[in-house]
Amino acid sequence: MAGIVLRFDENWNNSKSPITLRFGDETDPEIPEIPIKAGSIGIACGIVFDQGLSIKQQITLSTRSQSHGTHALFAWESILLKQQISMLWNASPPLAGEVFAIEWQWNTLVPFQLDMNWLVPLSHGHQAESHWIVPELQQTMLEMQWSQAAAKSQQITVKLHVGEQLATEIALSYTNIQSQGDNKTVAWAPHAARWVCSSKYVPPVGKVTLRFSEPWINSTSPTQLRFTASPNVCYWDDGGGLIDANPPLPNIDFKIPIEPQIRRYYLMQPTITCVRVSDSLPIVIVSCSISQSRGQWARSVSLEFSSRIDAQRAHNELLLITINGYEFYAIAEQPSASKAFGIETHSSTGRSRAAELSSPYRLPISYTNTVLRSLGGIIGDLLQNTGWTAELSGIPDFSVPAGAFSVGNKSPIDAINEAASQLGCMILADDATRKLTIIPRWPTVPWEMATAVPDLTVHDAVITNYSESVSRNPLCDVVWLRGEQQGISAKVKRTGSAGNIPAADISAQLIVDNQAARIAGTNALADTGDKLNVTLSLPVMVDLPPATPGMLIGIREGADVFKGTCDSWSIRASVSDRGDIDIEQSITVIRSIA
């Protein structure tokens, strides 16, 4: 018997492998009831075909094939039929009636077998590897499902023979058999942005610092640390591959090199606003002056208000002053008034938000580290229950023995400033995030400035005023340091020098470690030598932000750039009677010339 060929002529994308072929409805036939009329002889003849189980064929194709194959086996089975017929004749008595039975029987099994041969080639697989030029070798495997065409309608006619009589022809048909879908997915672009949630805590910095406030003598070595699982923490992954597609914009601080562009002219529209932080109430000011030096832990602020009402609204309130888009926090602490004929002015002086850590907002405290603590731990103890945090930048943390550091009757910020001064360091306050940063007074020492990259570089196009002066000091190359009640004695010498010109000896409570001595001695040697004090007046622009004490400032003169440390900074903004706004910042740069 010739085989049956299935041909697929179009794609069907909604199916998945394998393909299931079904023939006919596959339901049991219904046997109708034949009514027998009264007074007639009737006979009911029923023929039942018991169809075999539906046949399924699974074909998995990994590539396109020209022909397909399957094997089908159909079997029909007839059962024993028994028919009993009762006939009642209308005859007069004594003939009551006659009953007789007729039994029909066919063969128990009428087999039918249909062979269909399908030609199927050997299965083929497809595997692709793509090597991308990345730091680490990566492989990409692609799996592709190939489409098949839809099957054409087919009809099979089967003739059944029972005995010598020809039975009715039975037609088996199947149509509209859909093909397996065509699905190819190849991904090589950076992944899309998404939310990533996890219960595994990821610290915000590269390392976790554990601080122990008191000893535990009941523990045995080693000490086991157990961490409880944190709830799900989600963060926004903005997409990208090995290189971030949407890098976050960095904050403007003294760590990022900044240099304004050289233009033929600069067009600026100065702005100055002031609002009360507690309720965002606008406060009208006519002038503002803000200044800070390396010896100050808070900025000094001077304000002049447009009216007595504005001065009263701002008294002892935290104000947010915005100058050309840059924000400054200030507390108006000491109001003053001046009256003349036809003239009345109201002004106030104050400090930046870091004043919250000083008197009269905080009561004086006395502190002694009764146990072994690190420098960061001591600063954290002084800031306890204040809402402020602190970090060390450019200063290695070291251990302070129990009882080595103590302060008495000082505010928290004054106590921290004393600890920083003993190491030759200073405090920078971030009023927006309420965070203190302890940095060296000389983040870049004079003998390393030649190879250092300036944090801010200015040129003649943005310098509106320039002045300089020289201060003479002996250049020292060695200093002796020692602790007080506890600590060490150390000698810090400048590398490459003879070490024969000593600076003034340093005695402080926190000279208890070699790292502490190195920091304090390095800053003491950086203060010596002849210094060039340069005062610059600059505008405040988008690419020229306000400077920060401790910045490494570069001053460009043609192709040469000489560098110095920002010692002090101030900004002044005023509004004239006609509404004109004048804004200018001034910085003092110290440059070592010996």
Protein backbone atom coordinates (compact mmCIF):
# COMPACT_ATOMS: atom_id res chain seq x y z
CA MET A 1 0.00 0.00 0.00
CA ALA A 2 1.39 3.40 -0.92
CA GLY A 3 2.41 5.71 1.91
CA ILE A 4 0.64 8.94 2.77
CA VAL A 5 2.62 12.17 2.50
CA LEU A 6 1.89 15.15 4.79
CA ARG A 7 2.92 18.54 3.42
CA PHE A 8 3.06 21.72 5.46
CA ASP A 9 2.83 24.94 3.48
CA GLU A 10 2.63 27.71 6.14
CA ASN A 11 3.89 28.51 9.64
CA TRP A 12 1.88 28.13 12.81
CA ASN A 13 3.47 30.12 15.64
CA ASN A 14 1.06 29.11 18.42
CA SER A 15 2.07 25.47 18.74
CA LYS A 16 4.83 23.81 20.71
CA SER A 17 6.72 20.63 20.06
CA PRO A 18 5.69 17.79 19.73
CA ILE A 19 2.92 17.83 17.12
CA THR A 20 -0.16 15.72 17.84
CA LEU A 21 -2.20 14.35 14.94
CA ARG A 22 -5.83 13.43 15.62
CA PHE A 23 -8.06 11.69 13.08
CA GLY A 24 -11.79 12.17 13.15
CA ASP A 25 -13.83 13.10 16.19
CA GLU A 26 -12.88 9.93 18.12
CA THR A 27 -16.30 9.57 19.76
CA ASP A 28 -18.50 6.50 20.22
CA PRO A 29 -21.32 6.21 17.64
CA GLU A 30 -24.87 6.59 18.77
CA ILE A 31 -27.34 3.69 18.08
CA PRO A 32 -30.70 5.09 17.11
CA GLU A 33 -33.89 3.45 18.37
CA ILE A 34 -36.08 2.04 15.62
CA PRO A 35 -39.76 2.20 16.50
CA ILE A 36 -42.03 -0.84 15.71
CA LYS A 37 -45.50 0.01 14.63
CA ALA A 38 -48.45 -1.95 16.05
CA GLY A 39 -49.74 -4.73 13.88
CA SER A 40 -46.51 -5.09 11.93
CA ILE A 41 -43.45 -7.20 12.05
CA GLY A 42 -40.37 -5.22 12.85
CA ILE A 43 -36.74 -6.06 13.19
CA ALA A 44 -33.97 -4.00 14.72
CA CYS A 45 -30.51 -4.65 13.42
CA GLY A 46 -27.57 -2.92 15.05
CA ILE A 47 -23.95 -2.98 13.97
CA VAL A 48 -21.42 -1.59 16.39
CA PHE A 49 -17.76 -0.99 15.56
CA ASP A 50 -15.40 -0.82 18.45
CA GLN A 51 -12.67 1.55 17.50
CA GLY A 52 -9.24 1.16 18.95
CA LEU A 53 -7.49 3.77 21.04
CA SER A 54 -6.66 7.02 19.36
CA ILE A 55 -3.24 6.98 17.88
CA LYS A 56 -0.79 9.74 18.70
CA GLN A 57 2.46 10.38 17.02
CA GLN A 58 5.13 12.65 18.50
CA ILE A 59 7.68 14.06 16.11
CA THR A 60 10.50 16.26 17.39
CA LEU A 61 12.24 18.18 14.64
CA SER A 62 15.33 20.20 15.39
CA THR A 63 15.73 21.34 11.80
CA ARG A 64 13.65 21.57 8.67
CA SER A 65 12.92 18.19 7.04
CA GLN A 66 11.57 17.51 3.60
CA SER A 67 9.51 14.44 4.42
CA HIS A 68 8.09 12.91 7.55
CA GLY A 69 7.15 9.44 8.64
CA THR A 70 4.75 7.72 10.97
CA HIS A 71 3.18 4.32 11.42
CA ALA A 72 -0.55 3.93 11.91
CA LEU A 73 -2.43 0.77 12.88
CA PHE A 74 -6.20 0.66 12.76
CA ALA A 75 -8.15 -2.26 14.13
CA TRP A 76 -11.88 -2.70 14.10
CA GLU A 77 -13.45 -5.36 16.29
CA SER A 78 -17.01 -6.53 15.99
CA ILE A 79 -18.75 -7.98 18.94
CA LEU A 80 -21.25 -10.84 19.24
CA LEU A 81 -24.66 -9.53 18.37
CA LYS A 82 -27.71 -11.29 19.62
CA GLN A 83 -31.11 -10.18 18.59
CA GLN A 84 -34.32 -11.62 20.03
CA ILE A 85 -37.54 -10.92 18.17
CA SER A 86 -40.93 -11.52 19.67
CA MET A 87 -43.94 -11.63 17.34
CA LEU A 88 -47.50 -11.70 18.59
CA TRP A 89 -50.19 -12.81 16.13
CA ASN A 90 -53.74 -11.70 16.39
CA ALA A 91 -55.42 -15.12 16.32
CA SER A 92 -58.55 -16.27 18.00
CA PRO A 93 -58.30 -18.67 20.93
CA PRO A 94 -57.17 -21.33 21.54
CA LEU A 95 -54.16 -19.99 19.55
CA ALA A 96 -52.64 -17.55 22.03
CA GLY A 97 -49.54 -16.61 20.12
CA GLU A 98 -46.19 -17.77 18.98
CA VAL A 99 -42.78 -16.64 20.13
CA PHE A 100 -39.54 -17.37 18.33
CA ALA A 101 -35.97 -16.08 18.55
CA ILE A 102 -33.46 -15.32 15.85
CA GLU A 103 -29.81 -15.09 16.82
CA TRP A 104 -27.33 -13.22 14.67
CA GLN A 105 -23.64 -13.70 14.99
CA TRP A 106 -20.74 -12.22 13.10
CA ASN A 107 -17.10 -12.87 13.26
CA THR A 108 -15.66 -11.76 16.61
CA LEU A 109 -12.91 -9.77 15.01
CA VAL A 110 -12.71 -8.07 11.72
CA PRO A 111 -9.18 -6.71 11.54
CA PHE A 112 -8.06 -3.94 9.33
CA GLN A 113 -4.48 -2.82 9.11
CA LEU A 114 -3.18 0.19 7.27
CA ASP A 115 0.55 0.74 6.87
CA MET A 116 1.82 4.24 6.17
CA ASN A 117 5.51 4.63 5.66
CA TRP A 118 7.06 8.00 6.40
CA LEU A 119 10.49 9.04 5.30
CA VAL A 120 12.25 10.96 8.09
CA PRO A 121 15.88 12.00 7.82
CA LEU A 122 18.20 11.74 10.77
CA SER A 123 17.68 14.37 13.45
CA HIS A 124 19.99 17.29 13.28
CA GLY A 125 20.99 19.77 15.93
CA HIS A 126 22.17 23.32 15.61
CA GLN A 127 24.47 24.98 18.09
CA ALA A 128 26.12 28.35 17.73
CA GLU A 129 28.89 29.90 19.80
CA SER A 130 29.70 33.60 19.68
CA HIS A 131 32.87 34.91 21.22
CA TRP A 132 32.67 38.55 22.25
CA ILE A 133 35.62 40.79 22.91
CA VAL A 134 35.23 41.27 26.66
CA PRO A 135 37.68 41.07 29.58
CA GLU A 136 36.53 37.52 30.33
CA LEU A 137 35.72 34.91 27.71
CA GLN A 138 31.98 34.37 27.37
CA GLN A 139 30.01 31.95 25.25
CA THR A 140 26.52 32.25 23.90
CA MET A 141 24.51 29.16 22.94
CA LEU A 142 21.56 29.59 20.65
CA GLU A 143 18.70 27.13 20.31
CA MET A 144 16.38 27.67 17.36
CA GLN A 145 13.15 25.86 16.58
CA TRP A 146 12.48 25.59 12.88
CA SER A 147 9.02 26.04 11.46
CA GLN A 148 6.91 23.50 9.62
CA ALA A 149 4.23 24.17 7.07
CA ALA A 150 0.57 23.45 7.70
CA ALA A 151 -0.70 20.05 6.51
CA LYS A 152 -3.02 19.75 3.53
CA SER A 153 -6.36 18.07 3.87
CA GLN A 154 -6.23 14.31 3.44
CA GLN A 155 -9.04 11.81 3.15
CA ILE A 156 -8.77 8.02 3.43
CA THR A 157 -11.53 5.71 2.27
CA VAL A 158 -11.71 2.33 4.00
CA LYS A 159 -13.91 -0.48 2.66
CA LEU A 160 -15.03 -3.10 5.14
CA HIS A 161 -16.02 -6.61 4.08
CA VAL A 162 -18.20 -8.70 6.35
CA GLY A 163 -18.47 -12.19 5.06
CA GLU A 164 -19.30 -11.97 1.41
CA GLN A 165 -21.33 -8.80 1.73
CA LEU A 166 -19.90 -5.37 1.15
CA ALA A 167 -20.43 -2.98 3.99
CA THR A 168 -20.76 0.78 3.81
CA GLU A 169 -17.67 2.73 3.02
CA ILE A 170 -16.17 4.67 5.95
CA ALA A 171 -14.23 7.86 5.22
CA LEU A 172 -11.54 9.00 7.63
CA SER A 173 -10.45 12.57 7.11
CA TYR A 174 -8.22 15.04 8.86
CA THR A 175 -7.75 18.63 7.89
CA ASN A 176 -6.09 21.83 9.07
CA ILE A 177 -3.33 20.24 11.04
CA GLN A 178 -1.20 23.17 12.20
CA SER A 179 2.55 23.15 12.36
CA GLN A 180 5.01 23.77 15.17
CA GLY A 181 5.75 27.42 15.83
CA ASP A 182 8.87 29.24 14.73
CA ASN A 183 10.58 30.77 17.74
CA LYS A 184 14.13 32.15 17.56
CA THR A 185 15.52 34.29 20.37
CA VAL A 186 19.00 35.78 20.27
CA ALA A 187 19.92 38.33 22.99
CA TRP A 188 23.18 40.20 22.94
CA ALA A 189 22.31 43.77 23.94
CA PRO A 190 22.69 45.13 27.52
CA HIS A 191 19.93 44.01 29.84
CA ALA A 192 16.92 46.23 30.37
CA ALA A 193 16.34 48.32 33.47
CA ARG A 194 14.58 46.49 36.28
CA TRP A 195 14.00 46.32 40.03
CA VAL A 196 16.23 43.84 41.86
CA CYS A 197 15.03 42.59 45.25
CA SER A 198 16.96 40.43 47.66
CA SER A 199 16.99 39.53 51.35
CA LYS A 200 20.80 39.45 51.39
CA TYR A 201 22.08 42.68 52.87
CA VAL A 202 24.61 44.52 50.74
CA PRO A 203 26.55 47.21 52.63
CA PRO A 204 26.64 50.62 50.96
CA VAL A 205 30.45 50.73 51.09
CA GLY A 206 33.15 48.28 50.19
CA LYS A 207 33.79 47.02 53.70
CA VAL A 208 31.89 46.57 56.93
CA THR A 209 33.39 47.98 60.12
CA LEU A 210 32.48 46.20 63.36
CA ARG A 211 32.86 48.27 66.54
CA PHE A 212 32.58 46.59 69.94
CA SER A 213 31.66 48.98 72.76
CA GLU A 214 32.70 46.78 75.68
CA PRO A 215 34.71 43.60 76.27
CA TRP A 216 33.01 40.25 76.76
CA ILE A 217 35.15 38.15 79.04
CA ASN A 218 32.78 35.19 79.07
CA SER A 219 33.43 34.34 75.46
CA THR A 220 35.87 31.71 74.28
CA SER A 221 38.01 31.89 71.19
CA PRO A 222 37.03 32.00 68.37
CA THR A 223 34.11 34.44 68.49
CA GLN A 224 31.13 33.54 66.32
CA LEU A 225 29.06 36.27 64.71
CA ARG A 226 25.50 35.44 63.70
CA PHE A 227 23.48 37.71 61.43
CA THR A 228 19.74 37.52 61.06
CA ALA A 229 18.28 37.73 57.57
CA SER A 230 17.07 41.19 56.66
CA PRO A 231 13.76 41.80 54.84
CA ASN A 232 13.75 42.19 51.09
CA VAL A 233 15.65 45.27 49.98
CA CYS A 234 15.01 46.49 46.44
CA TYR A 235 17.17 48.72 44.31
CA TRP A 236 16.71 50.04 40.78
CA ASP A 237 19.05 48.55 38.20
CA ASP A 238 19.10 51.08 35.36
CA GLY A 239 20.37 48.55 32.83
CA GLY A 240 23.58 48.20 30.91
CA GLY A 241 26.22 45.53 30.50
CA LEU A 242 29.81 45.57 31.67
CA ILE A 243 29.73 49.35 31.28
CA ASP A 244 26.76 51.08 32.89
CA ALA A 245 24.42 52.43 30.22
CA ASN A 246 23.03 55.11 32.56
CA PRO A 247 25.77 56.12 34.99
CA PRO A 248 24.57 58.23 37.93
CA LEU A 249 25.73 61.83 37.97
CA PRO A 250 28.45 62.38 40.59
CA ASN A 251 28.09 64.86 43.40
CA ILE A 252 30.04 68.08 43.07
CA ASP A 253 32.70 68.00 45.80
CA PHE A 254 36.42 68.52 46.15
CA LYS A 255 37.24 65.00 44.89
CA ILE A 256 36.15 65.62 41.27
CA PRO A 257 38.39 67.74 39.00
CA ILE A 258 36.52 70.78 37.70
CA GLU A 259 37.66 73.37 35.17
CA PRO A 260 35.33 75.93 33.57
CA GLN A 261 35.44 76.31 29.82
CA ILE A 262 37.20 79.24 28.22
CA ARG A 263 34.61 81.40 26.42
CA ARG A 264 34.72 84.76 24.69
CA TYR A 265 31.94 85.98 26.98
CA TYR A 266 29.80 84.56 29.79
CA LEU A 267 26.06 85.16 30.05
CA MET A 268 24.66 84.59 33.54
CA GLN A 269 21.34 85.20 35.23
CA PRO A 270 22.01 85.37 38.99
CA THR A 271 19.38 84.11 41.39
CA ILE A 272 19.06 84.22 45.18
CA THR A 273 16.22 82.81 47.30
CA CYS A 274 15.70 82.08 50.97
CA VAL A 275 13.02 79.89 52.58
CA ARG A 276 12.31 78.69 56.09
CA VAL A 277 12.94 74.94 56.19
CA SER A 278 10.22 74.13 58.73
CA ASP A 279 7.32 75.26 56.52
CA SER A 280 8.93 76.46 53.23
CA LEU A 281 7.89 80.04 54.00
CA PRO A 282 9.76 82.51 51.71
CA ILE A 283 12.05 84.98 53.46
CA VAL A 284 13.04 88.09 51.48
CA ILE A 285 16.69 89.06 51.90
CA VAL A 286 18.61 91.90 50.26
CA SER A 287 22.14 90.65 50.95
CA CYS A 288 23.91 87.52 52.16
CA SER A 289 27.50 86.70 53.06
CA ILE A 290 28.81 83.19 53.84
CA SER A 291 32.42 82.32 54.73
CA GLN A 292 34.51 79.43 56.07
CA SER A 293 38.18 78.65 56.66
CA ARG A 294 40.11 75.48 57.44
CA GLY A 295 40.01 76.22 61.18
CA GLN A 296 36.19 76.45 61.30
CA TRP A 297 33.83 73.51 61.66
CA ALA A 298 30.80 75.66 60.63
CA ARG A 299 30.27 78.47 58.12
CA SER A 300 29.72 82.04 59.30
CA VAL A 301 26.58 83.64 57.86
CA SER A 302 25.47 87.27 57.71
CA LEU A 303 22.00 88.22 56.43
CA GLU A 304 20.17 91.48 55.77
CA PHE A 305 16.40 91.29 55.49
CA SER A 306 14.05 93.48 53.50
CA SER A 307 11.69 94.13 56.42
CA ARG A 308 11.19 93.68 60.14
CA ILE A 309 8.61 90.95 59.48
CA ASP A 310 11.11 88.85 57.54
CA ALA A 311 13.67 89.27 60.31
CA GLN A 312 11.18 88.07 62.92
CA ARG A 313 10.15 85.09 60.82
CA ALA A 314 13.78 84.02 60.38
CA HIS A 315 14.92 84.44 64.00
CA ASN A 316 16.35 81.16 65.41
CA GLU A 317 15.06 79.27 62.38
CA LEU A 318 16.89 77.00 59.95
CA LEU A 319 16.99 78.74 56.57
CA LEU A 320 17.77 77.32 53.13
CA ILE A 321 19.57 79.88 50.98
CA THR A 322 19.94 79.14 47.26
CA ILE A 323 22.53 81.14 45.30
CA ASN A 324 22.73 80.41 41.57
CA GLY A 325 21.31 76.94 42.22
CA TYR A 326 23.73 76.03 45.06
CA GLU A 327 22.15 75.45 48.47
CA PHE A 328 23.43 76.64 51.84
CA TYR A 329 21.86 76.06 55.26
CA ALA A 330 22.02 78.75 57.95
CA ILE A 331 20.56 79.51 61.36
CA ALA A 332 19.80 83.20 62.03
CA GLU A 333 20.93 83.42 65.66
CA GLN A 334 21.75 87.05 66.53
CA PRO A 335 19.35 89.66 65.08
CA SER A 336 20.18 93.34 64.97
CA ALA A 337 18.41 96.51 63.81
CA SER A 338 19.55 99.95 62.66
CA LYS A 339 17.37 103.07 62.27
CA ALA A 340 18.04 106.45 60.70
CA PHE A 341 15.85 109.18 59.25
CA GLY A 342 13.74 107.40 56.64
CA ILE A 343 15.95 104.28 56.78
CA GLU A 344 15.44 101.09 58.81
CA THR A 345 17.52 97.95 58.32
CA HIS A 346 17.22 94.52 59.97
CA SER A 347 19.99 91.97 59.83
CA SER A 348 21.19 88.85 61.60
CA THR A 349 24.32 86.78 61.97
CA GLY A 350 24.50 83.07 62.46
CA ARG A 351 26.16 79.81 61.56
CA SER A 352 25.52 76.90 59.26
CA ARG A 353 23.47 73.84 60.25
CA ALA A 354 26.44 72.21 62.00
CA ALA A 355 25.73 74.66 64.84
CA GLU A 356 23.05 72.19 65.96
CA LEU A 357 25.93 70.24 67.58
CA SER A 358 27.12 73.21 69.64
CA SER A 359 25.85 75.40 72.45
CA PRO A 360 23.11 76.49 73.08
CA TYR A 361 21.45 73.68 71.07
CA ARG A 362 23.47 70.97 72.85
CA LEU A 363 24.50 70.91 76.48
CA PRO A 364 28.20 70.51 77.29
CA ILE A 365 29.37 66.95 77.82
CA SER A 366 32.34 65.19 79.41
CA TYR A 367 33.67 62.07 77.79
CA THR A 368 36.39 59.49 78.45
CA ASN A 369 36.85 56.29 76.50
CA THR A 370 36.63 53.80 79.34
CA VAL A 371 37.38 50.87 77.01
CA LEU A 372 39.56 50.33 73.97
CA ARG A 373 37.96 52.28 71.11
CA SER A 374 38.91 53.26 67.60
CA LEU A 375 39.07 56.88 66.51
CA GLY A 376 35.86 56.41 64.52
CA GLY A 377 34.21 54.79 67.54
CA ILE A 378 35.11 57.77 69.75
CA ILE A 379 33.63 60.22 67.24
CA GLY A 380 30.53 58.04 66.98
CA ASP A 381 30.16 58.12 70.78
CA LEU A 382 30.33 61.93 70.79
CA LEU A 383 27.60 62.10 68.13
CA GLN A 384 25.30 59.65 69.87
CA ASN A 385 21.61 60.67 69.81
CA THR A 386 22.30 63.79 67.72
CA GLY A 387 21.06 62.61 64.34
CA TRP A 388 24.45 63.34 62.75
CA THR A 389 26.95 60.85 61.38
CA ALA A 390 30.69 61.02 60.72
CA GLU A 391 33.32 59.39 58.54
CA LEU A 392 37.09 59.49 58.14
CA SER A 393 38.46 60.49 54.72
CA GLY A 394 42.17 60.16 54.02
CA ILE A 395 42.78 59.12 57.63
CA PRO A 396 43.39 55.49 58.62
CA ASP A 397 41.39 54.41 61.64
CA PHE A 398 43.43 53.31 64.65
CA SER A 399 42.79 52.02 68.16
CA VAL A 400 42.83 54.28 71.22
CA PRO A 401 43.60 52.57 74.56
CA ALA A 402 41.11 52.86 77.39
CA GLY A 403 41.32 56.20 79.18
CA ALA A 404 43.68 57.79 76.66
CA PHE A 405 41.25 60.44 75.35
CA SER A 406 39.04 62.63 77.49
CA VAL A 407 37.25 65.98 77.16
CA GLY A 408 35.31 67.94 79.71
CA ASN A 409 32.51 70.48 79.57
CA LYS A 410 32.46 70.82 75.78
CA SER A 411 29.74 70.56 73.15
CA PRO A 412 29.85 67.48 70.86
CA ILE A 413 31.20 69.42 67.87
CA ASP A 414 33.89 71.14 69.99
CA ALA A 415 34.98 67.76 71.39
CA ILE A 416 35.23 66.31 67.86
CA ASN A 417 37.12 69.38 66.67
CA GLU A 418 39.63 68.96 69.51
CA ALA A 419 40.22 65.32 68.56
CA ALA A 420 40.71 66.31 64.90
CA SER A 421 43.07 69.18 65.80
CA GLN A 422 45.35 66.85 67.76
CA LEU A 423 45.94 64.94 64.50
CA GLY A 424 46.34 68.03 62.31
CA CYS A 425 42.90 67.47 60.75
CA MET A 426 39.77 69.54 60.21
CA ILE A 427 36.01 69.07 59.93
CA LEU A 428 33.86 69.48 56.82
CA ALA A 429 30.10 69.46 57.46
CA ASP A 430 27.49 68.40 54.89
CA ASP A 431 24.42 70.26 56.15
CA ALA A 432 22.03 68.60 53.69
CA THR A 433 22.78 65.03 54.85
CA ARG A 434 23.88 66.00 58.41
CA LYS A 435 27.23 64.31 58.03
CA LEU A 436 30.70 65.27 59.30
CA THR A 437 33.85 64.35 57.37
CA ILE A 438 37.22 64.39 59.12
CA ILE A 439 40.01 65.13 56.61
CA PRO A 440 43.67 66.26 56.95
CA ARG A 441 44.39 70.00 56.93
CA TRP A 442 46.60 69.27 53.93
CA PRO A 443 44.78 66.63 51.82
CA THR A 444 47.65 67.08 49.36
CA VAL A 445 50.98 67.95 50.97
CA PRO A 446 53.13 70.63 49.24
CA TRP A 447 55.86 68.21 48.10
CA GLU A 448 53.28 66.10 46.21
CA MET A 449 51.35 68.91 44.50
CA ALA A 450 53.51 68.87 41.38
CA THR A 451 52.12 65.50 40.29
CA ALA A 452 48.64 65.82 41.79
CA VAL A 453 45.50 66.59 39.76
CA PRO A 454 43.76 69.79 40.95
CA ASP A 455 40.21 69.51 42.24
CA LEU A 456 39.38 72.91 40.72
CA THR A 457 41.33 74.76 38.03
CA VAL A 458 40.65 78.41 37.19
CA HIS A 459 42.05 80.63 34.45
CA ASP A 460 42.21 84.30 33.50
CA ALA A 461 38.79 84.23 31.80
CA VAL A 462 36.97 83.66 35.12
CA ILE A 463 39.30 85.49 37.54
CA THR A 464 37.87 88.97 38.17
CA ASN A 465 40.39 90.00 40.85
CA TYR A 466 43.82 88.68 41.81
CA SER A 467 46.18 89.56 44.66
CA GLU A 468 49.06 87.78 46.41
CA SER A 469 51.36 88.10 49.40
CA VAL A 470 54.27 86.11 50.84
CA SER A 471 54.70 84.87 54.41
CA ARG A 472 58.18 83.75 55.57
CA ASN A 473 58.54 80.65 57.72
CA PRO A 474 61.42 78.22 58.30
CA LEU A 475 61.24 75.01 56.29
CA CYS A 476 61.40 72.04 58.65
CA ASP A 477 61.90 68.40 57.73
CA VAL A 478 61.45 66.53 61.02
CA VAL A 479 59.12 66.66 64.02
CA TRP A 480 58.92 64.76 67.34
CA LEU A 481 55.56 63.62 68.69
CA ARG A 482 54.50 61.89 71.87
CA GLY A 483 51.35 60.95 73.74
CA GLU A 484 50.32 62.32 77.10
CA GLN A 485 49.00 59.90 79.74
CA GLN A 486 49.31 57.00 77.31
CA GLY A 487 50.78 56.74 73.86
CA ILE A 488 54.02 56.53 71.96
CA SER A 489 57.00 58.71 71.07
CA ALA A 490 57.64 59.02 67.35
CA LYS A 491 59.87 60.87 64.93
CA VAL A 492 58.35 61.86 61.61
CA LYS A 493 60.85 62.86 58.92
CA ARG A 494 60.17 64.04 55.41
CA THR A 495 61.31 61.45 52.88
CA GLY A 496 64.52 62.38 51.09
CA SER A 497 65.49 65.11 53.54
CA ALA A 498 68.36 65.26 56.03
CA GLY A 499 65.98 65.48 58.98
CA ASN A 500 68.06 68.10 60.77
CA ILE A 501 65.63 71.05 60.98
CA PRO A 502 63.00 70.14 63.57
CA ALA A 503 59.61 71.73 63.93
CA ALA A 504 57.97 72.39 67.29
CA ASP A 505 57.33 69.24 69.28
CA ILE A 506 53.75 67.95 69.40
CA SER A 507 52.19 66.44 72.52
CA ALA A 508 48.60 65.21 72.27
CA GLN A 509 46.34 62.61 73.83
CA LEU A 510 45.70 60.77 70.55
CA ILE A 511 49.36 60.13 69.67
CA VAL A 512 48.88 56.51 70.64
CA ASP A 513 49.61 54.79 67.34
CA ASN A 514 52.13 55.05 64.51
CA GLN A 515 49.35 56.02 62.11
CA ALA A 516 48.26 58.87 64.40
CA ALA A 517 51.84 60.12 64.64
CA ARG A 518 52.28 59.94 60.87
CA ILE A 519 49.13 62.00 60.21
CA ALA A 520 49.89 64.68 62.79
CA GLY A 521 53.59 64.92 61.84
CA THR A 522 52.89 65.15 58.09
CA ASN A 523 50.45 68.04 58.54
CA ALA A 524 52.85 69.82 60.91
CA LEU A 525 55.69 69.66 58.35
CA ALA A 526 53.32 70.85 55.58
CA ASP A 527 52.64 74.05 57.58
CA THR A 528 56.33 75.04 57.52
CA GLY A 529 58.22 76.89 54.79
CA ASP A 530 57.58 80.04 52.82
CA LYS A 531 53.99 80.39 51.62
CA LEU A 532 52.43 82.40 48.82
CA ASN A 533 48.93 83.59 49.76
CA VAL A 534 46.80 84.22 46.64
CA THR A 535 43.35 85.79 46.85
CA LEU A 536 41.03 85.27 43.87
CA SER A 537 37.60 86.66 43.04
CA LEU A 538 35.48 84.35 40.89
CA PRO A 539 31.90 84.10 39.64
CA VAL A 540 29.56 81.25 40.58
CA MET A 541 28.47 79.29 37.51
CA VAL A 542 27.31 75.85 36.50
CA ASP A 543 30.86 74.70 35.72
CA LEU A 544 32.43 76.81 38.50
CA PRO A 545 30.80 75.81 41.82
CA PRO A 546 31.61 77.28 45.23
CA ALA A 547 35.00 76.11 46.49
CA THR A 548 35.55 74.07 49.65
CA PRO A 549 38.36 74.56 52.20
CA GLY A 550 40.98 71.87 51.63
CA MET A 551 40.49 71.74 47.86
CA LEU A 552 43.58 71.55 45.68
CA ILE A 553 43.21 74.66 43.51
CA GLY A 554 45.04 75.03 40.20
CA ILE A 555 45.64 78.49 38.74
CA ARG A 556 46.40 78.44 35.04
CA GLU A 557 48.83 80.95 33.61
CA GLY A 558 49.10 80.22 29.91
CA ALA A 559 50.25 76.62 29.58
CA ASP A 560 51.50 76.39 33.18
CA VAL A 561 49.41 75.54 36.22
CA PHE A 562 50.58 76.23 39.75
CA LYS A 563 48.69 74.62 42.61
CA GLY A 564 47.81 75.41 46.18
CA THR A 565 45.41 74.47 48.97
CA CYS A 566 42.20 76.44 49.53
CA ASP A 567 42.62 77.99 52.99
CA SER A 568 39.45 80.08 53.17
CA TRP A 569 36.36 80.77 51.07
CA SER A 570 33.54 83.29 51.07
CA ILE A 571 30.56 84.15 48.89
CA ARG A 572 28.64 87.42 48.75
CA ALA A 573 25.26 88.06 47.15
CA SER A 574 23.34 91.34 47.16
CA VAL A 575 20.22 92.81 45.55
CA SER A 576 20.21 96.50 44.58
CA ASP A 577 17.26 98.89 44.84
CA ARG A 578 16.58 98.32 41.12
CA GLY A 579 16.54 94.53 41.58
CA ASP A 580 19.99 93.82 40.14
CA ILE A 581 21.70 90.80 41.72
CA ASP A 582 25.46 90.71 42.21
CA ILE A 583 27.11 87.40 43.21
CA GLU A 584 30.82 86.77 43.68
CA GLN A 585 32.97 84.27 45.56
CA SER A 586 36.45 84.82 46.92
CA ILE A 587 39.03 82.17 47.81
CA THR A 588 42.44 82.26 49.44
CA VAL A 589 44.97 79.75 48.12
CA ILE A 590 48.16 78.84 50.00
CA ARG A 591 51.05 77.77 47.81
CA SER A 592 54.39 76.52 49.13
CA ILE A 593 57.29 78.31 47.47
CA ALA A 594 60.20 76.81 49.43
